[in-house]
Amino acid sequence: MNDILIGLAKAAILVALNQPENFDLEDALKTYPVLKDNGAVFVTINTEPNDQLRGCIGSLQAYRPLYKDIIFNAQSAAMRDPRFQPLSVEELQHITLEVAILSEPQVLAYHDKKDLESKIIPLQDGVVLKHQGKQATYLPHVWEDLPKFDDFFSSLCRKADLNENCLSEHPEISIYQAKEYKEKR
């Protein structure tokens, strides 16, 4: 399945860059009918050799077939991530892709920061933070870069364009899990 998901994401990016691709979508859909089921996906683009983020866009809710979500989010991560310039053809040989299929986010009931910390499992749980009409998420693997709870949530609050201490305002927190597929180099 890894090769199919990464191949589909890569083909979608090649199409967005008007480059030739040879991914057989019809065959993939026959071999893996689960691709026709609704699914929520994040596509991450990293640059080699230092694994720097180059684009990351995704869906938190499953509202279209998985294969369409992969195509849309791969092209969006490559061409429409507001943090970066659109990907260029010259960069193609220096990127790797990750596709994460998300479970349905579940809202966590919590009393305070300590209670919240006891309910979240680093490296397993992705987190969605919503507050004052703003929202941000971190996939489970972000815990690798921000392993301390306070650092993780301060950064997530800032990503949502909120005060880094926004947990004190008791924002809505949801968690989800992600099955991550990575391009092999």
C-alpha atoms as a PDB file:
ATOM      1  CA  MET A   1       0.000   0.000   0.000  1.00  0.00           C
ATOM      2  CA  ASN A   2       2.925   2.350   0.743  1.00  0.00           C
ATOM      3  CA  ASP A   3       4.056   2.389  -2.902  1.00  0.00           C
ATOM      4  CA  ILE A   4       0.516   3.021  -4.164  1.00  0.00           C
ATOM      5  CA  LEU A   5      -0.173   5.966  -1.842  1.00  0.00           C
ATOM      6  CA  ILE A   6       3.230   7.576  -2.410  1.00  0.00           C
ATOM      7  CA  GLY A   7       3.000   6.879  -6.153  1.00  0.00           C
ATOM      8  CA  LEU A   8      -0.412   8.539  -6.361  1.00  0.00           C
ATOM      9  CA  ALA A   9       0.788  11.598  -4.417  1.00  0.00           C
ATOM     10  CA  LYS A  10       3.894  11.888  -6.599  1.00  0.00           C
ATOM     11  CA  ALA A  11       1.852  11.513  -9.805  1.00  0.00           C
ATOM     12  CA  ALA A  12      -0.524  14.258  -8.632  1.00  0.00           C
ATOM     13  CA  ILE A  13       2.423  16.598  -8.050  1.00  0.00           C
ATOM     14  CA  LEU A  14       3.884  15.765 -11.476  1.00  0.00           C
ATOM     15  CA  VAL A  15       0.538  16.619 -13.093  1.00  0.00           C
ATOM     16  CA  ALA A  16       0.440  19.930 -11.194  1.00  0.00           C
ATOM     17  CA  LEU A  17       3.910  20.696 -12.594  1.00  0.00           C
ATOM     18  CA  ASN A  18       2.907  19.648 -16.145  1.00  0.00           C
ATOM     19  CA  GLN A  19       5.385  16.762 -16.053  1.00  0.00           C
ATOM     20  CA  PRO A  20       4.863  13.242 -17.457  1.00  0.00           C
ATOM     21  CA  GLU A  21       3.662  10.569 -15.045  1.00  0.00           C
ATOM     22  CA  ASN A  22       2.780   6.904 -15.492  1.00  0.00           C
ATOM     23  CA  PHE A  23       0.666   6.069 -12.435  1.00  0.00           C
ATOM     24  CA  ASP A  24      -2.155   3.647 -13.300  1.00  0.00           C
ATOM     25  CA  LEU A  25      -5.036   4.983 -11.188  1.00  0.00           C
ATOM     26  CA  GLU A  26      -7.571   2.562 -12.658  1.00  0.00           C
ATOM     27  CA  ASP A  27      -5.424  -0.427 -11.697  1.00  0.00           C
ATOM     28  CA  ALA A  28      -4.763   1.007  -8.221  1.00  0.00           C
ATOM     29  CA  LEU A  29      -8.502   1.445  -7.610  1.00  0.00           C
ATOM     30  CA  LYS A  30      -9.166  -2.162  -8.716  1.00  0.00           C
ATOM     31  CA  THR A  31      -6.347  -3.570  -6.573  1.00  0.00           C
ATOM     32  CA  TYR A  32      -7.081  -1.369  -3.540  1.00  0.00           C
ATOM     33  CA  PRO A  33     -10.843  -0.629  -3.473  1.00  0.00           C
ATOM     34  CA  VAL A  34     -10.350   1.058  -0.065  1.00  0.00           C
ATOM     35  CA  LEU A  35      -9.021   4.043  -2.054  1.00  0.00           C
ATOM     36  CA  LYS A  36     -12.637   4.701  -3.094  1.00  0.00           C
ATOM     37  CA  ASP A  37     -13.780   4.977   0.541  1.00  0.00           C
ATOM     38  CA  ASN A  38     -13.948   8.415   2.102  1.00  0.00           C
ATOM     39  CA  GLY A  39     -10.753   9.291   3.919  1.00  0.00           C
ATOM     40  CA  ALA A  40      -8.869  12.210   5.444  1.00  0.00           C
ATOM     41  CA  VAL A  41      -5.242  12.584   4.406  1.00  0.00           C
ATOM     42  CA  PHE A  42      -2.286  14.875   5.029  1.00  0.00           C
ATOM     43  CA  VAL A  43       0.503  15.000   2.458  1.00  0.00           C
ATOM     44  CA  THR A  44       3.901  16.232   3.637  1.00  0.00           C
ATOM     45  CA  ILE A  45       6.767  17.196   1.353  1.00  0.00           C
ATOM     46  CA  ASN A  46      10.284  17.238   2.807  1.00  0.00           C
ATOM     47  CA  THR A  47      13.559  18.214   1.161  1.00  0.00           C
ATOM     48  CA  GLU A  48      16.591  15.978   1.092  1.00  0.00           C
ATOM     49  CA  PRO A  49      19.109  15.464   2.556  1.00  0.00           C
ATOM     50  CA  ASN A  50      18.185  17.269   5.792  1.00  0.00           C
ATOM     51  CA  ASP A  51      14.476  16.408   5.915  1.00  0.00           C
ATOM     52  CA  GLN A  52      13.303  20.048   5.997  1.00  0.00           C
ATOM     53  CA  LEU A  53       9.575  20.713   5.655  1.00  0.00           C
ATOM     54  CA  ARG A  54       8.708  21.955   2.150  1.00  0.00           C
ATOM     55  CA  GLY A  55       4.912  21.712   2.258  1.00  0.00           C
ATOM     56  CA  CYS A  56       2.150  20.067   4.269  1.00  0.00           C
ATOM     57  CA  ILE A  57      -1.567  20.271   3.576  1.00  0.00           C
ATOM     58  CA  GLY A  58      -4.397  17.950   4.511  1.00  0.00           C
ATOM     59  CA  SER A  59      -7.938  17.243   5.558  1.00  0.00           C
ATOM     60  CA  LEU A  60      -9.104  16.569   9.099  1.00  0.00           C
ATOM     61  CA  GLN A  61     -12.492  15.167   8.056  1.00  0.00           C
ATOM     62  CA  ALA A  62     -13.184  12.341   5.606  1.00  0.00           C
ATOM     63  CA  TYR A  63     -15.607  13.819   3.072  1.00  0.00           C
ATOM     64  CA  ARG A  64     -14.345  12.550  -0.301  1.00  0.00           C
ATOM     65  CA  PRO A  65     -12.765   9.344  -1.626  1.00  0.00           C
ATOM     66  CA  LEU A  66      -9.293   8.688  -0.257  1.00  0.00           C
ATOM     67  CA  TYR A  67      -7.645   8.776  -3.674  1.00  0.00           C
ATOM     68  CA  LYS A  68      -9.186  12.193  -4.443  1.00  0.00           C
ATOM     69  CA  ASP A  69      -8.069  13.527  -1.055  1.00  0.00           C
ATOM     70  CA  ILE A  70      -4.514  12.340  -1.755  1.00  0.00           C
ATOM     71  CA  ILE A  71      -4.495  13.991  -5.192  1.00  0.00           C
ATOM     72  CA  PHE A  72      -5.919  17.288  -3.929  1.00  0.00           C
ATOM     73  CA  ASN A  73      -3.697  17.522  -0.851  1.00  0.00           C
ATOM     74  CA  ALA A  74      -0.524  16.457  -2.692  1.00  0.00           C
ATOM     75  CA  GLN A  75      -1.080  19.200  -5.257  1.00  0.00           C
ATOM     76  CA  SER A  76      -1.976  21.691  -2.528  1.00  0.00           C
ATOM     77  CA  ALA A  77       1.129  20.849  -0.474  1.00  0.00           C
ATOM     78  CA  ALA A  78       3.273  21.307  -3.577  1.00  0.00           C
ATOM     79  CA  MET A  79       1.669  24.414  -5.017  1.00  0.00           C
ATOM     80  CA  ARG A  80      -0.509  26.159  -2.417  1.00  0.00           C
ATOM     81  CA  ASP A  81       1.066  25.866   1.039  1.00  0.00           C
ATOM     82  CA  PRO A  82       1.088  29.558   2.059  1.00  0.00           C
ATOM     83  CA  ARG A  83       4.369  29.120   3.957  1.00  0.00           C
ATOM     84  CA  PHE A  84       6.317  28.295   0.790  1.00  0.00           C
ATOM     85  CA  GLN A  85       6.718  29.219  -2.857  1.00  0.00           C
ATOM     86  CA  PRO A  86       5.170  26.686  -5.266  1.00  0.00           C
ATOM     87  CA  LEU A  87       7.360  23.649  -5.827  1.00  0.00           C
ATOM     88  CA  SER A  88       9.531  23.824  -8.943  1.00  0.00           C
ATOM     89  CA  VAL A  89      10.414  21.060 -11.395  1.00  0.00           C
ATOM     90  CA  GLU A  90      14.058  21.428 -10.352  1.00  0.00           C
ATOM     91  CA  GLU A  91      13.171  20.518  -6.754  1.00  0.00           C
ATOM     92  CA  LEU A  92      11.527  17.195  -7.669  1.00  0.00           C
ATOM     93  CA  GLN A  93      14.728  15.173  -7.345  1.00  0.00           C
ATOM     94  CA  HIS A  94      15.350  16.595  -3.861  1.00  0.00           C
ATOM     95  CA  ILE A  95      12.023  15.852  -2.159  1.00  0.00           C
ATOM     96  CA  THR A  96      10.458  12.944  -0.318  1.00  0.00           C
ATOM     97  CA  LEU A  97       6.760  12.473   0.365  1.00  0.00           C
ATOM     98  CA  GLU A  98       4.740  11.278   3.320  1.00  0.00           C
ATOM     99  CA  VAL A  99       1.048  10.411   3.246  1.00  0.00           C
ATOM    100  CA  ALA A 100      -0.800  10.180   6.565  1.00  0.00           C
ATOM    101  CA  ILE A 101      -4.300   8.688   6.697  1.00  0.00           C
ATOM    102  CA  LEU A 102      -6.122  10.124   9.696  1.00  0.00           C
ATOM    103  CA  SER A 103      -8.704   8.592  11.980  1.00  0.00           C
ATOM    104  CA  GLU A 104     -11.774  10.645  12.862  1.00  0.00           C
ATOM    105  CA  PRO A 105     -10.766  13.350  15.387  1.00  0.00           C
ATOM    106  CA  GLN A 106     -12.285  12.871  18.852  1.00  0.00           C
ATOM    107  CA  VAL A 107     -12.934  15.842  21.140  1.00  0.00           C
ATOM    108  CA  LEU A 108     -11.251  15.425  24.537  1.00  0.00           C
ATOM    109  CA  ALA A 109     -13.021  16.470  27.701  1.00  0.00           C
ATOM    110  CA  TYR A 110     -10.446  17.826  30.153  1.00  0.00           C
ATOM    111  CA  HIS A 111     -10.420  19.894  33.345  1.00  0.00           C
ATOM    112  CA  ASP A 112      -6.998  21.526  33.205  1.00  0.00           C
ATOM    113  CA  LYS A 113      -3.594  21.265  31.555  1.00  0.00           C
ATOM    114  CA  LYS A 114      -2.467  18.402  33.792  1.00  0.00           C
ATOM    115  CA  ASP A 115      -5.624  16.433  32.999  1.00  0.00           C
ATOM    116  CA  LEU A 116      -5.147  17.081  29.281  1.00  0.00           C
ATOM    117  CA  GLU A 117      -1.528  15.944  29.455  1.00  0.00           C
ATOM    118  CA  SER A 118      -2.633  12.658  31.040  1.00  0.00           C
ATOM    119  CA  LYS A 119      -5.022  11.972  28.132  1.00  0.00           C
ATOM    120  CA  ILE A 120      -2.649  12.539  25.209  1.00  0.00           C
ATOM    121  CA  ILE A 121      -0.122   9.958  24.058  1.00  0.00           C
ATOM    122  CA  PRO A 122       2.896  11.598  22.375  1.00  0.00           C
ATOM    123  CA  LEU A 123       3.935  10.083  19.024  1.00  0.00           C
ATOM    124  CA  GLN A 124       0.564   8.319  18.801  1.00  0.00           C
ATOM    125  CA  ASP A 125      -1.898  11.224  18.970  1.00  0.00           C
ATOM    126  CA  GLY A 126      -2.184  14.047  16.507  1.00  0.00           C
ATOM    127  CA  VAL A 127      -3.809  17.118  18.042  1.00  0.00           C
ATOM    128  CA  VAL A 128      -6.320  19.670  16.761  1.00  0.00           C
ATOM    129  CA  LEU A 129      -6.619  22.891  18.754  1.00  0.00           C
ATOM    130  CA  LYS A 130      -9.629  25.200  18.190  1.00  0.00           C
ATOM    131  CA  HIS A 131     -10.191  28.533  19.928  1.00  0.00           C
ATOM    132  CA  GLN A 132     -11.751  31.882  19.096  1.00  0.00           C
ATOM    133  CA  GLY A 133     -12.513  30.831  15.532  1.00  0.00           C
ATOM    134  CA  LYS A 134      -8.913  29.726  14.921  1.00  0.00           C
ATOM    135  CA  GLN A 135      -7.554  26.238  14.469  1.00  0.00           C
ATOM    136  CA  ALA A 136      -4.279  24.375  14.045  1.00  0.00           C
ATOM    137  CA  THR A 137      -3.157  20.770  14.031  1.00  0.00           C
ATOM    138  CA  TYR A 138       0.022  18.785  14.451  1.00  0.00           C
ATOM    139  CA  LEU A 139       0.379  15.257  13.131  1.00  0.00           C
ATOM    140  CA  PRO A 140       1.609  12.615  15.600  1.00  0.00           C
ATOM    141  CA  HIS A 141       5.192  12.686  14.276  1.00  0.00           C
ATOM    142  CA  VAL A 142       5.572  16.360  15.313  1.00  0.00           C
ATOM    143  CA  TRP A 143       6.112  15.022  18.857  1.00  0.00           C
ATOM    144  CA  GLU A 144       9.560  13.898  17.602  1.00  0.00           C
ATOM    145  CA  ASP A 145      10.562  17.555  17.175  1.00  0.00           C
ATOM    146  CA  LEU A 146       8.616  18.868  20.185  1.00  0.00           C
ATOM    147  CA  PRO A 147       8.647  16.028  22.746  1.00  0.00           C
ATOM    148  CA  LYS A 148       7.798  18.198  25.769  1.00  0.00           C
ATOM    149  CA  PHE A 149       4.085  18.769  26.308  1.00  0.00           C
ATOM    150  CA  ASP A 150       4.483  22.500  27.051  1.00  0.00           C
ATOM    151  CA  ASP A 151       6.675  23.089  23.995  1.00  0.00           C
ATOM    152  CA  PHE A 152       4.307  21.126  21.751  1.00  0.00           C
ATOM    153  CA  PHE A 153       1.248  23.081  22.878  1.00  0.00           C
ATOM    154  CA  SER A 154       2.973  26.480  22.916  1.00  0.00           C
ATOM    155  CA  SER A 155       3.988  25.888  19.311  1.00  0.00           C
ATOM    156  CA  LEU A 156       0.520  24.621  18.369  1.00  0.00           C
ATOM    157  CA  CYS A 157      -1.070  27.715  19.942  1.00  0.00           C
ATOM    158  CA  ARG A 158       1.284  29.949  17.928  1.00  0.00           C
ATOM    159  CA  LYS A 159       0.517  27.990  14.773  1.00  0.00           C
ATOM    160  CA  ALA A 160      -3.171  28.799  15.362  1.00  0.00           C
ATOM    161  CA  ASP A 161      -2.167  32.475  15.683  1.00  0.00           C
ATOM    162  CA  LEU A 162      -3.026  32.457  19.380  1.00  0.00           C
ATOM    163  CA  ASN A 163      -1.063  33.340  22.503  1.00  0.00           C
ATOM    164  CA  GLU A 164       1.467  30.587  23.255  1.00  0.00           C
ATOM    165  CA  ASN A 165      -0.252  30.085  26.627  1.00  0.00           C
ATOM    166  CA  CYS A 166      -3.668  29.573  25.031  1.00  0.00           C
ATOM    167  CA  LEU A 167      -4.192  26.312  26.950  1.00  0.00           C
ATOM    168  CA  SER A 168      -4.995  28.461  29.987  1.00  0.00           C
ATOM    169  CA  GLU A 169      -8.090  29.622  28.058  1.00  0.00           C
ATOM    170  CA  HIS A 170      -9.319  26.012  27.753  1.00  0.00           C
ATOM    171  CA  PRO A 171      -9.486  25.641  23.940  1.00  0.00           C
ATOM    172  CA  GLU A 172     -11.265  22.712  22.327  1.00  0.00           C
ATOM    173  CA  ILE A 173      -8.791  19.857  21.869  1.00  0.00           C
ATOM    174  CA  SER A 174      -9.343  16.851  19.633  1.00  0.00           C
ATOM    175  CA  ILE A 175      -7.012  13.943  19.028  1.00  0.00           C
ATOM    176  CA  TYR A 176      -6.627  11.547  16.128  1.00  0.00           C
ATOM    177  CA  GLN A 177      -4.251   8.846  15.040  1.00  0.00           C
ATOM    178  CA  ALA A 178      -2.472   8.627  11.705  1.00  0.00           C
ATOM    179  CA  LYS A 179      -1.220   5.725   9.652  1.00  0.00           C
ATOM    180  CA  GLU A 180       1.863   7.204   8.015  1.00  0.00           C
ATOM    181  CA  TYR A 181       3.384   6.064   4.746  1.00  0.00           C
ATOM    182  CA  LYS A 182       6.809   7.371   3.749  1.00  0.00           C
ATOM    183  CA  GLU A 183       8.638   7.451   0.476  1.00  0.00           C
ATOM    184  CA  LYS A 184      11.666   5.187   0.516  1.00  0.00           C
ATOM    185  CA  ARG A 185      14.859   6.701  -0.868  1.00  0.00           C
END
